[in-house]
Amino acid sequence: MVQSWRVLLGLVLIAGCAPTLTPRQEQVYAAVADCRERTGAEAFLKYVDQDGRFAIEPMDLRQLIPFRQCLRDRHRVRFAGDDGDGWRRPP
């Protein structure tokens, strides 16, 4: 019984100290998951900054193009070189 309380206390402390995602990070993870499912692309995030900037691991170009287009069309993501970099805010 004493051991189970120690384990429970440890889990509560760890969960309380875990970093939380910003709303922008949550948007990125949701958008990538959606477009991975829709396009079948094997896309993996290298990192997601707190402001929502992210990098994708290199993948087959045949998968990358429709994956990025899905992010643009469905989630309003803009990439470097696109018209207006970053997340576009609704009007």
Protein backbone atom coordinates (compact mmCIF):
# COMPACT_ATOMS: atom_id res chain seq x y z
CA MET A 1 0.00 0.00 0.00
CA VAL A 2 2.81 2.42 0.87
CA GLN A 3 4.56 1.71 -2.45
CA SER A 4 1.43 2.45 -4.48
CA TRP A 5 1.09 5.86 -2.81
CA ARG A 6 4.71 6.65 -3.65
CA VAL A 7 4.17 5.69 -7.28
CA LEU A 8 0.95 7.71 -7.44
CA LEU A 9 2.62 10.73 -5.85
CA GLY A 10 5.52 10.45 -8.30
CA LEU A 11 3.16 10.34 -11.28
CA VAL A 12 1.23 13.36 -10.04
CA LEU A 13 4.45 15.33 -9.57
CA ILE A 14 5.73 14.36 -13.02
CA ALA A 15 2.42 15.24 -14.67
CA GLY A 16 2.34 18.59 -12.88
CA CYS A 17 5.83 19.45 -14.10
CA ALA A 18 5.32 18.38 -17.71
CA PRO A 19 5.54 21.25 -20.19
CA THR A 20 2.27 22.31 -21.78
CA LEU A 21 1.82 23.12 -25.43
CA THR A 22 0.98 26.59 -26.64
CA PRO A 23 -2.15 27.00 -28.78
CA ARG A 24 0.07 27.42 -31.87
CA GLN A 25 1.94 24.18 -31.11
CA GLU A 26 -1.36 22.36 -30.68
CA GLN A 27 -2.50 23.72 -34.08
CA VAL A 28 0.66 22.44 -35.75
CA TYR A 29 0.40 18.95 -34.25
CA ALA A 30 -3.30 18.72 -35.20
CA ALA A 31 -2.68 19.99 -38.75
CA VAL A 32 0.22 17.59 -39.35
CA ALA A 33 -1.79 14.64 -38.00
CA ASP A 34 -4.76 15.54 -40.22
CA CYS A 35 -2.66 15.89 -43.37
CA ARG A 36 -0.67 12.73 -42.63
CA GLU A 37 -3.94 10.83 -42.46
CA ARG A 38 -5.40 12.48 -45.58
CA THR A 39 -2.33 12.14 -47.81
CA GLY A 40 -0.71 9.01 -46.39
CA ALA A 41 2.56 10.94 -46.12
CA GLU A 42 5.22 9.75 -43.71
CA ALA A 43 5.83 13.22 -42.28
CA PHE A 44 7.63 13.68 -38.99
CA LEU A 45 8.10 16.94 -37.16
CA LYS A 46 11.70 17.82 -36.26
CA TYR A 47 10.57 20.57 -33.90
CA VAL A 48 7.68 22.92 -33.17
CA ASP A 49 8.54 26.31 -31.66
CA GLN A 50 6.24 27.94 -29.15
CA ASP A 51 5.10 30.46 -31.76
CA GLY A 52 4.10 27.64 -34.14
CA ARG A 53 7.09 27.62 -36.47
CA PHE A 54 8.04 24.06 -37.33
CA ALA A 55 10.30 21.89 -39.43
CA ILE A 56 9.40 18.62 -41.11
CA GLU A 57 11.84 15.74 -41.49
CA PRO A 58 12.81 15.21 -45.10
CA MET A 59 10.56 12.77 -46.92
CA ASP A 60 9.97 11.53 -50.42
CA LEU A 61 9.22 14.53 -52.65
CA ARG A 62 6.21 12.71 -54.10
CA GLN A 63 4.71 12.73 -50.59
CA LEU A 64 5.93 16.18 -49.58
CA ILE A 65 4.13 18.13 -52.29
CA PRO A 66 0.58 16.90 -51.53
CA PHE A 67 1.31 17.01 -47.78
CA ARG A 68 2.36 20.66 -47.91
CA GLN A 69 -0.58 21.48 -50.16
CA CYS A 70 -2.92 19.92 -47.61
CA LEU A 71 -1.36 22.08 -44.88
CA ARG A 72 -1.84 25.16 -47.07
CA ASP A 73 -5.40 24.45 -48.15
CA ARG A 74 -6.95 22.93 -45.05
CA HIS A 75 -4.98 24.62 -42.27
CA ARG A 76 -3.81 27.92 -43.82
CA VAL A 77 -0.13 27.16 -43.21
CA ARG A 78 2.35 29.27 -45.17
CA PHE A 79 5.88 28.14 -45.90
CA ALA A 80 9.01 30.18 -46.56
CA GLY A 81 8.66 31.58 -50.05
CA ASP A 82 4.86 31.51 -49.96
CA ASP A 83 2.86 34.72 -49.99
CA GLY A 84 3.10 35.81 -46.33
CA ASP A 85 5.14 33.38 -44.23
CA GLY A 86 3.69 31.58 -41.21
CA TRP A 87 0.13 31.00 -40.09
CA ARG A 88 -2.34 33.26 -41.84
CA ARG A 89 -4.93 34.74 -39.54
CA PRO A 90 -8.53 34.78 -40.68
CA PRO A 91 -9.78 38.20 -41.91
